[in-house]
Amino acid sequence: MKKLTLFAALLALLAAGCDQMYDQASVRPYEEPLLPPPEGSVATDSGDVEIPTLAQMAAMVEDGRVAYRRYCWACHGPEMDGKGTVGPSFPKDFESLTSPDVAELDDIDLYQSIGMKMNMHPPLASTMTPEERWQVVAYIRAVQRGLTEPGAPEEDKKD
């Protein structure tokens, strides 16, 4: 009798817990509207991208060198030739970022290709801010046009 009472009590306790579980939002995630993202979160591109002016791009080059060093250098290399420390380990050679094919891309296409997954390229839209991606575009364009030499940021050269 004692075992039956204990079993009934345990069953009643479990049944009460299941009722609470059903009421949790995680059980029915699509029944409620999505909450807005937290303030300061990094958004992925929704298509509404503000394209910097040429003057703004010119002012972003050195910050772009720092962002390139942080996010792109390991695969694309210091010379933008795809010969970074990680790049050669991939089965296909990376295209040089100074190649005519990359130079022919519109700035917005280059910006978006940095942010989304393409072949072996990781999607960096959730890692880099939109401003950092524009800075990298500005740096790549400056190197392509011969306005600056590729290489480490000044802060790396001090050591």
Protein backbone atom coordinates (compact mmCIF):
# COMPACT_ATOMS: atom_id res chain seq x y z
CA MET A 1 0.00 0.00 0.00
CA LYS A 2 2.85 2.34 0.90
CA LYS A 3 4.45 1.72 -2.51
CA LEU A 4 1.21 2.40 -4.33
CA THR A 5 0.73 5.69 -2.46
CA LEU A 6 4.32 6.72 -3.24
CA PHE A 7 3.84 5.80 -6.91
CA ALA A 8 0.58 7.81 -7.10
CA ALA A 9 2.24 10.83 -5.47
CA LEU A 10 5.17 10.62 -7.90
CA LEU A 11 2.81 10.30 -10.85
CA ALA A 12 0.80 13.34 -9.68
CA LEU A 13 4.02 15.35 -9.30
CA LEU A 14 5.17 14.43 -12.80
CA ALA A 15 1.78 15.26 -14.27
CA ALA A 16 1.86 18.70 -12.63
CA GLY A 17 5.31 19.36 -14.08
CA CYS A 18 4.20 18.41 -17.59
CA ASP A 19 1.39 20.94 -17.43
CA GLN A 20 3.90 23.70 -16.61
CA MET A 21 6.20 22.53 -19.39
CA TYR A 22 3.43 22.91 -21.96
CA ASP A 23 2.91 26.53 -20.91
CA GLN A 24 6.54 27.47 -21.63
CA ALA A 25 7.17 29.51 -24.75
CA SER A 26 9.98 27.18 -25.82
CA VAL A 27 7.46 24.42 -26.52
CA ARG A 28 5.61 26.60 -29.03
CA PRO A 29 8.27 29.00 -30.37
CA TYR A 30 6.36 30.17 -33.46
CA GLU A 31 3.05 31.00 -31.82
CA GLU A 32 4.31 34.31 -30.44
CA PRO A 33 5.73 37.20 -32.50
CA LEU A 34 9.51 37.51 -32.50
CA LEU A 35 11.00 39.87 -29.95
CA PRO A 36 13.11 42.76 -31.22
CA PRO A 37 16.89 42.20 -30.99
CA PRO A 38 18.70 43.60 -27.95
CA GLU A 39 20.09 47.12 -28.18
CA GLY A 40 23.60 47.14 -29.67
CA SER A 41 23.34 43.71 -31.29
CA VAL A 42 25.09 43.21 -34.63
CA ALA A 43 22.55 42.83 -37.40
CA THR A 44 22.99 40.78 -40.53
CA ASP A 45 22.18 42.49 -43.79
CA SER A 46 18.54 42.95 -44.54
CA GLY A 47 19.20 44.61 -47.88
CA ASP A 48 19.08 48.17 -46.56
CA VAL A 49 22.78 48.98 -46.58
CA GLU A 50 24.07 52.52 -46.39
CA ILE A 51 26.95 52.80 -48.85
CA PRO A 52 29.73 55.15 -47.70
CA THR A 53 30.82 58.02 -49.94
CA LEU A 54 34.28 58.03 -51.55
CA ALA A 55 35.47 60.53 -48.93
CA GLN A 56 34.21 58.28 -46.13
CA MET A 57 35.87 55.25 -47.77
CA ALA A 58 39.19 57.13 -48.01
CA ALA A 59 39.02 57.88 -44.29
CA MET A 60 38.37 54.19 -43.49
CA VAL A 61 41.49 52.69 -45.09
CA GLU A 62 43.71 52.39 -42.01
CA ASP A 63 40.85 51.11 -39.85
CA GLY A 64 40.19 48.67 -42.69
CA ARG A 65 43.80 47.49 -42.50
CA VAL A 66 43.27 46.72 -38.79
CA ALA A 67 39.94 44.94 -39.46
CA TYR A 68 41.52 42.99 -42.35
CA ARG A 69 44.34 41.94 -40.02
CA ARG A 70 41.81 40.78 -37.43
CA TYR A 71 39.32 38.93 -39.65
CA CYS A 72 40.84 38.21 -43.08
CA TRP A 73 44.62 37.88 -42.74
CA ALA A 74 44.72 34.24 -41.60
CA CYS A 75 43.14 32.99 -44.83
CA HIS A 76 43.80 35.72 -47.40
CA GLY A 77 47.31 36.58 -46.17
CA PRO A 78 49.18 39.84 -45.60
CA GLU A 79 49.56 40.38 -49.37
CA MET A 80 45.87 39.57 -50.08
CA ASP A 81 47.02 36.67 -52.28
CA GLY A 82 45.26 33.81 -50.46
CA LYS A 83 48.50 32.64 -48.89
CA GLY A 84 47.76 33.26 -45.23
CA THR A 85 48.50 30.64 -42.62
CA VAL A 86 45.09 28.98 -43.05
CA GLY A 87 44.40 29.60 -46.76
CA PRO A 88 46.85 27.02 -48.18
CA SER A 89 45.25 24.24 -46.12
CA PHE A 90 42.05 24.47 -48.17
CA PRO A 91 41.76 22.18 -51.20
CA LYS A 92 41.23 25.08 -53.64
CA ASP A 93 43.50 28.11 -53.87
CA PHE A 94 41.95 31.34 -52.68
CA GLU A 95 41.61 33.97 -55.34
CA SER A 96 43.81 36.98 -54.81
CA LEU A 97 41.82 39.95 -53.54
CA THR A 98 43.81 42.10 -55.98
CA SER A 99 42.76 39.98 -58.99
CA PRO A 100 40.76 41.56 -61.83
CA ASP A 101 37.72 39.41 -60.92
CA VAL A 102 37.58 40.88 -57.41
CA ALA A 103 38.42 44.39 -58.65
CA GLU A 104 35.44 44.24 -61.01
CA LEU A 105 32.97 43.60 -58.18
CA ASP A 106 30.83 46.53 -57.08
CA ASP A 107 31.61 47.78 -53.59
CA ILE A 108 28.24 46.53 -52.35
CA ASP A 109 28.89 43.05 -53.84
CA LEU A 110 32.29 42.91 -52.14
CA TYR A 111 30.73 44.09 -48.88
CA GLN A 112 28.00 41.44 -49.08
CA SER A 113 30.43 38.66 -50.05
CA ILE A 114 32.39 39.38 -46.86
CA GLY A 115 29.23 38.94 -44.82
CA MET A 116 27.75 35.81 -46.34
CA LYS A 117 28.89 32.22 -46.70
CA MET A 118 30.31 31.49 -50.14
CA ASN A 119 32.06 28.20 -50.87
CA MET A 120 34.62 27.96 -48.06
CA HIS A 121 34.29 31.61 -46.98
CA PRO A 122 32.63 31.85 -43.57
CA PRO A 123 29.65 34.17 -43.09
CA LEU A 124 31.13 37.13 -41.24
CA ALA A 125 27.97 39.26 -40.99
CA SER A 126 27.40 38.01 -37.45
CA THR A 127 31.07 38.49 -36.50
CA MET A 128 31.95 41.84 -38.05
CA THR A 129 29.96 45.03 -37.72
CA PRO A 130 28.72 46.60 -40.95
CA GLU A 131 31.23 49.42 -40.38
CA GLU A 132 34.12 46.95 -40.10
CA ARG A 133 33.09 45.30 -43.36
CA TRP A 134 33.02 48.68 -45.11
CA GLN A 135 36.44 49.42 -43.66
CA VAL A 136 37.79 46.17 -45.13
CA VAL A 137 36.24 47.06 -48.51
CA ALA A 138 37.93 50.47 -48.34
CA TYR A 139 41.29 48.86 -47.53
CA ILE A 140 40.99 46.27 -50.33
CA ARG A 141 40.06 49.00 -52.82
CA ALA A 142 42.98 51.19 -51.71
CA VAL A 143 45.41 48.29 -52.24
CA GLN A 144 43.83 47.40 -55.61
CA ARG A 145 44.21 50.99 -56.80
CA GLY A 146 47.79 51.34 -55.56
CA LEU A 147 46.88 53.96 -52.95
CA THR A 148 48.44 51.93 -50.14
CA GLU A 149 50.61 48.86 -49.81
CA PRO A 150 49.24 45.70 -48.19
CA GLY A 151 50.70 44.71 -44.87
CA ALA A 152 50.43 44.92 -41.14
CA PRO A 153 48.85 47.87 -39.36
CA GLU A 154 51.25 50.30 -37.70
CA GLU A 155 50.24 48.99 -34.26
CA ASP A 156 51.63 45.55 -35.24
CA LYS A 157 54.91 47.03 -36.51
CA LYS A 158 55.72 48.71 -33.18
CA ASP A 159 56.55 45.42 -31.45
